[in-house]
Protein backbone atom coordinates (compact mmCIF):
# COMPACT_ATOMS: atom_id res chain seq x y z
CA UNK A 1 0.00 0.00 0.00
CA UNK A 2 1.31 3.44 -0.92
CA UNK A 3 1.82 6.11 1.72
CA UNK A 4 -1.03 8.11 0.12
CA UNK A 5 -3.37 5.14 0.58
CA UNK A 6 -2.24 4.78 4.20
CA UNK A 7 -3.27 8.39 4.75
CA UNK A 8 -6.59 7.84 2.94
CA UNK A 9 -7.38 4.73 4.97
CA UNK A 10 -6.62 6.46 8.27
CA UNK A 11 -8.77 9.44 7.31
CA UNK A 12 -11.70 7.19 6.41
CA UNK A 13 -11.41 5.28 9.68
CA UNK A 14 -11.75 8.56 11.59
CA UNK A 15 -14.97 9.75 9.89
CA UNK A 16 -17.18 8.53 12.73
CA UNK A 17 -20.05 10.99 13.29
CA UNK A 18 -22.67 13.02 11.41
CA UNK A 19 -20.78 16.33 11.37
CA UNK A 20 -17.59 14.66 10.14
CA UNK A 21 -19.41 12.77 7.40
CA UNK A 22 -21.11 15.99 6.25
CA UNK A 23 -17.85 18.01 6.23
CA UNK A 24 -15.80 15.28 4.55
CA UNK A 25 -18.34 14.78 1.75
CA UNK A 26 -18.45 18.57 1.27
CA UNK A 27 -14.70 18.61 0.61
CA UNK A 28 -14.96 15.64 -1.78
CA UNK A 29 -17.84 17.19 -3.76
CA UNK A 30 -16.33 20.68 -3.90
CA UNK A 31 -13.11 19.30 -5.40
CA UNK A 32 -14.80 16.72 -7.62
CA UNK A 33 -14.12 16.58 -11.36
CA UNK A 34 -17.49 18.03 -12.42
CA UNK A 35 -19.88 20.02 -10.22
CA UNK A 36 -22.73 21.61 -12.13
CA UNK A 37 -26.52 21.77 -12.04
CA UNK A 38 -26.62 19.25 -14.88
CA UNK A 39 -24.02 16.76 -13.70
CA UNK A 40 -21.85 15.80 -10.75
CA UNK A 41 -18.90 13.55 -11.56
CA UNK A 42 -16.60 12.25 -8.85
CA UNK A 43 -13.72 10.00 -9.81
CA UNK A 44 -10.72 8.46 -8.12
CA UNK A 45 -7.98 5.93 -8.83
CA UNK A 46 -8.24 4.74 -5.22
CA UNK A 47 -10.77 2.07 -4.30
CA UNK A 48 -10.48 3.28 -0.70
CA UNK A 49 -11.71 6.72 -1.77
CA UNK A 50 -14.41 5.31 -4.05
CA UNK A 51 -15.84 3.21 -1.23
CA UNK A 52 -15.72 6.19 1.14
CA UNK A 53 -17.54 8.48 -1.31
CA UNK A 54 -20.30 5.93 -1.87
CA UNK A 55 -20.81 5.35 1.87
CA UNK A 56 -20.76 9.04 2.76
CA UNK A 57 -23.20 9.97 0.00
CA UNK A 58 -25.52 7.19 1.06
CA UNK A 59 -25.50 8.34 4.71
CA UNK A 60 -26.05 12.02 3.89
CA UNK A 61 -28.56 11.75 1.03
CA UNK A 62 -30.06 8.30 1.68
CA UNK A 63 -29.28 7.28 -1.87
CA UNK A 64 -27.15 4.37 -3.02
CA UNK A 65 -24.77 5.27 -5.83
CA UNK A 66 -23.20 2.90 -8.26
CA UNK A 67 -19.88 3.52 -9.95
CA UNK A 68 -18.31 2.37 -13.16
CA UNK A 69 -14.73 1.32 -13.71
CA UNK A 70 -12.57 2.62 -16.51
CA UNK A 71 -9.13 1.16 -17.17
CA UNK A 72 -6.46 3.57 -18.37
CA UNK A 73 -3.56 2.92 -20.73
CA UNK A 74 -1.28 2.31 -17.76
CA UNK A 75 -3.58 -0.43 -16.50
CA UNK A 76 -4.85 1.53 -13.50
CA UNK A 77 -8.57 1.54 -12.84
CA UNK A 78 -10.53 4.79 -12.45
CA UNK A 79 -13.65 4.56 -10.28
CA UNK A 80 -16.29 6.99 -11.58
CA UNK A 81 -19.52 8.19 -9.96
CA UNK A 82 -21.69 10.00 -12.51
CA UNK A 83 -24.78 11.73 -11.09
CA UNK A 84 -27.19 13.14 -13.64
CA UNK A 85 -30.56 12.82 -11.87
CA UNK A 86 -31.85 16.38 -11.61
CA UNK A 87 -33.70 16.03 -8.30
CA UNK A 88 -30.69 14.44 -6.61
CA UNK A 89 -28.38 17.16 -7.89
CA UNK A 90 -30.81 19.79 -6.56
CA UNK A 91 -30.68 18.16 -3.12
CA UNK A 92 -26.88 18.24 -3.18
CA UNK A 93 -26.77 21.88 -4.27
CA UNK A 94 -29.33 22.91 -1.66
CA UNK A 95 -27.70 21.01 1.20
CA UNK A 96 -24.20 22.34 0.49
CA UNK A 97 -25.15 25.83 -0.76
CA UNK A 98 -23.61 25.19 -4.18
CA UNK A 99 -24.53 27.53 -7.00
CA UNK A 100 -23.65 30.75 -8.75
CA UNK A 101 -21.60 29.03 -11.43
CA UNK A 102 -18.40 28.93 -9.35
CA UNK A 103 -16.95 26.93 -6.48
CA UNK A 104 -16.04 28.46 -3.13
CA UNK A 105 -15.37 27.17 0.39
CA UNK A 106 -18.28 28.16 2.63
CA UNK A 107 -17.01 27.74 6.17
CA UNK A 108 -20.40 28.77 7.58
CA UNK A 109 -21.93 25.41 6.66
CA UNK A 110 -19.18 23.45 8.42
CA UNK A 111 -19.20 23.07 12.20
CA UNK A 112 -16.32 24.78 13.98
CA UNK A 113 -14.41 21.58 14.71
CA UNK A 114 -14.81 20.09 11.24
CA UNK A 115 -12.55 22.25 9.07
CA UNK A 116 -9.86 19.60 9.32
CA UNK A 117 -12.35 16.94 8.23
CA UNK A 118 -13.38 19.13 5.29
CA UNK A 119 -9.69 19.35 4.31
CA UNK A 120 -9.53 15.57 4.69
CA UNK A 121 -12.32 15.31 2.14
CA UNK A 122 -10.35 17.58 -0.18
CA UNK A 123 -7.36 15.27 0.20
CA UNK A 124 -9.48 12.22 -0.56
CA UNK A 125 -10.84 13.88 -3.69
CA UNK A 126 -7.67 15.39 -5.06
CA UNK A 127 -4.68 14.87 -2.78
CA UNK A 128 -1.59 12.71 -2.72
CA UNK A 129 1.58 12.55 -0.68
CA UNK A 130 4.94 11.07 -1.62
CA UNK A 131 6.62 8.27 0.28
CA UNK A 132 8.64 10.22 2.89
CA UNK A 133 11.57 7.85 2.43
CA UNK A 134 11.99 9.35 -1.05
CA UNK A 135 10.74 12.95 -0.90
CA UNK A 136 8.73 15.35 1.27
CA UNK A 137 5.90 16.45 -1.02
CA UNK A 138 2.13 16.69 -0.59
CA UNK A 139 -0.25 18.16 -3.14
CA UNK A 140 -3.89 18.80 -4.06
CA UNK A 141 -5.35 19.28 -7.52
CA UNK A 142 -7.77 22.21 -7.58
CA UNK A 143 -10.63 22.69 -10.10
CA UNK A 144 -9.85 26.41 -10.55
CA UNK A 145 -7.50 29.15 -9.36
CA UNK A 146 -9.93 30.79 -6.94
CA UNK A 147 -10.56 27.52 -5.10
CA UNK A 148 -6.80 26.88 -5.05
CA UNK A 149 -6.29 30.30 -3.44
CA UNK A 150 -8.95 29.55 -0.80
CA UNK A 151 -7.31 26.22 0.02
CA UNK A 152 -3.91 27.92 0.36
CA UNK A 153 -5.49 30.45 2.74
CA UNK A 154 -7.11 27.66 4.78
CA UNK A 155 -3.76 25.90 5.12
CA UNK A 156 -2.18 29.21 6.06
CA UNK A 157 -4.56 29.42 9.03
CA UNK A 158 -2.81 26.38 10.54
CA UNK A 159 0.64 27.78 9.80
CA UNK A 160 1.29 25.78 6.63
CA UNK A 161 2.75 27.65 3.66
CA UNK A 162 1.61 26.18 0.35
CA UNK A 163 2.48 27.10 -3.19
CA UNK A 164 0.67 26.55 -6.45
CA UNK A 165 1.60 25.75 -10.03
CA UNK A 166 0.03 24.64 -13.30
CA UNK A 167 1.08 21.14 -14.32
CA UNK A 168 -0.20 19.51 -17.50
CA UNK A 169 -3.10 21.95 -17.55
CA UNK A 170 -4.07 21.29 -13.92
CA UNK A 171 -3.80 23.68 -10.99
CA UNK A 172 -1.77 22.08 -8.22
CA UNK A 173 -1.49 23.28 -4.63
CA UNK A 174 1.69 21.81 -3.16
CA UNK A 175 3.40 21.61 0.22
CA UNK A 176 7.07 20.82 0.73
CA UNK A 177 9.08 20.37 3.91
CA UNK A 178 8.55 17.62 6.45
CA UNK A 179 7.19 19.86 9.23
CA UNK A 180 4.55 21.46 7.00
CA UNK A 181 3.46 18.04 5.77
CA UNK A 182 3.34 16.75 9.35
CA UNK A 183 1.07 19.68 10.33
CA UNK A 184 -1.16 19.06 7.31
CA UNK A 185 -1.50 15.32 7.96
CA UNK A 186 -2.35 15.99 11.60
CA UNK A 187 -4.91 18.63 10.56
CA UNK A 188 -6.72 16.21 8.24
CA UNK A 189 -6.83 13.46 10.85
CA UNK A 190 -3.92 11.22 9.85
CA UNK A 191 -1.96 11.34 13.10
CA UNK A 192 -0.52 7.83 12.78
CA UNK A 193 0.82 8.67 9.34
CA UNK A 194 2.30 11.83 10.85
CA UNK A 195 4.17 9.69 13.38
CA UNK A 196 5.32 7.38 10.59
CA UNK A 197 6.67 10.35 8.64
CA UNK A 198 8.45 11.65 11.76
CA UNK A 199 10.03 8.24 12.34
CA UNK A 200 11.24 8.13 8.74
CA UNK A 201 12.69 11.63 9.13
CA UNK A 202 14.52 10.66 12.33
CA UNK A 203 15.92 7.56 10.63
CA UNK A 204 17.04 9.60 7.60
CA UNK A 205 18.65 12.23 9.84
CA UNK A 206 20.53 9.56 11.82
CA UNK A 207 21.59 7.81 8.60
CA UNK A 208 22.79 11.07 7.07
CA UNK A 209 24.69 11.95 10.24
CA UNK A 210 26.29 8.50 10.27
CA UNK A 211 27.29 8.93 6.63
CA UNK A 212 28.81 12.33 7.38
CA UNK A 213 30.75 10.86 10.29
CA UNK A 214 31.90 7.94 8.14
CA UNK A 215 32.96 10.29 5.38
CA UNK A 216 34.81 12.43 7.90
CA UNK A 217 36.47 9.35 9.41
CA UNK A 218 37.48 8.15 5.97
CA UNK A 219 38.94 11.55 5.16
CA UNK A 220 40.88 11.54 8.43
CA UNK A 221 42.13 8.02 7.78
CA UNK A 222 43.28 9.03 4.32
CA UNK A 223 45.08 12.04 5.75
CA UNK A 224 46.74 9.86 8.39
CA UNK A 225 47.83 7.28 5.81
CA UNK A 226 49.17 9.98 3.48
CA UNK A 227 51.10 11.56 6.34
CA UNK A 228 52.56 8.21 7.41
CA UNK A 229 53.65 7.36 3.85
CA UNK A 230 55.37 10.74 3.51
CA UNK A 231 57.19 10.12 6.79
CA UNK A 232 58.33 6.73 5.50
CA UNK A 233 59.61 8.28 2.27
CA UNK A 234 61.50 10.96 4.21
CA UNK A 235 63.04 8.40 6.56
CA UNK A 236 64.07 6.08 3.71
CA UNK A 237 65.68 9.01 1.91
CA UNK A 238 67.69 9.86 5.00
CA UNK A 239 68.64 6.20 5.45
CA UNK A 240 69.81 5.92 1.84
CA UNK A 241 71.90 9.11 1.97
CA UNK A 242 73.24 10.14 5.35
CA UNK A 243 72.09 6.97 7.13
CA UNK A 244 69.90 6.77 10.23
CA UNK A 245 73.06 6.75 12.42
CA UNK A 246 73.47 10.42 11.46
CA UNK A 247 70.31 11.23 13.44
CA UNK A 248 70.11 11.98 17.13
CA UNK A 249 68.99 9.09 19.32
CA UNK A 250 65.52 10.67 19.70
CA UNK A 251 64.98 11.09 15.96
CA UNK A 252 66.44 7.68 15.09
CA UNK A 253 64.17 5.91 17.54
CA UNK A 254 61.01 7.52 16.17
CA UNK A 255 62.21 6.93 12.59
CA UNK A 256 62.79 3.22 13.19
CA UNK A 257 59.39 2.85 14.86
CA UNK A 258 57.70 4.40 11.85
CA UNK A 259 59.53 2.16 9.37
CA UNK A 260 58.48 -0.92 11.33
CA UNK A 261 54.92 0.30 11.95
CA UNK A 262 53.53 2.20 8.98
CA UNK A 263 49.93 2.09 10.28
CA UNK A 264 50.75 3.13 13.87
CA UNK A 265 49.22 6.40 15.06
CA UNK A 266 51.32 9.25 16.43
CA UNK A 267 49.89 8.64 19.90
CA UNK A 268 50.84 4.94 19.77
CA UNK A 269 54.35 5.79 18.59
CA UNK A 270 54.70 8.23 21.46
CA UNK A 271 53.67 5.56 23.97
CA UNK A 272 56.09 3.02 22.44
CA UNK A 273 59.22 5.14 22.81
CA UNK A 274 61.78 4.30 25.48
CA UNK A 275 60.80 7.58 27.07
CA UNK A 276 57.11 8.08 26.19
CA UNK A 277 56.08 11.47 24.86
CA UNK A 278 52.85 13.10 23.70
CA UNK A 279 51.36 12.98 20.22
CA UNK A 280 52.43 16.57 19.58
CA UNK A 281 55.95 15.67 20.66
CA UNK A 282 56.08 12.84 18.11
CA UNK A 283 54.71 15.13 15.42
CA UNK A 284 57.44 17.66 16.23
CA UNK A 285 60.14 14.99 15.73
CA UNK A 286 58.65 13.99 12.36
CA UNK A 287 58.70 17.64 11.35
CA UNK A 288 62.45 17.68 12.09
CA UNK A 289 62.90 14.53 9.98
CA UNK A 290 60.89 16.14 7.16
CA UNK A 291 63.15 19.20 7.28
CA UNK A 292 66.28 17.01 7.04
CA UNK A 293 64.78 15.11 4.09
CA UNK A 294 63.89 18.36 2.37
CA UNK A 295 67.47 19.61 2.76
CA UNK A 296 68.70 16.35 1.22
CA UNK A 297 66.40 16.84 -1.78
CA UNK A 298 67.71 20.36 -2.26
CA UNK A 299 71.42 19.92 -1.57
CA UNK A 300 72.06 16.18 -1.59
CA UNK A 301 72.96 16.08 2.10
CA UNK A 302 70.98 16.36 5.27
CA UNK A 303 73.62 18.07 7.37
Foldseek 3Di string as FASTA:
>chain_A
DFLQVLLLVQLLVPQDDDLLLVLLLLLQQLQAPDQDLQKGKAKDLDVSLVVSNQVSCCVVVVDGWAWDWDADPVRGIMTMTMDGPNVSSVVVCVLNVDDPPHGDDDCVSHPPLRPLSNVLSQCSRFKGAHDLLVFGKIKGWGPDDVRLVRVQVVLVVQVFHWDWDADPNIIMIMGHDLVNVLSSSVSNRNNVSSVVSVVSVVVVVVVVVVVVVVVVVVVVLVVLLVVLVVLLVLLVLCCVAVRLVVDDPVLSQLSVVSNVCSNDQLQVSQVPDPNHDHSVVSVVSSVLSVQLSVVCVVPVGSD
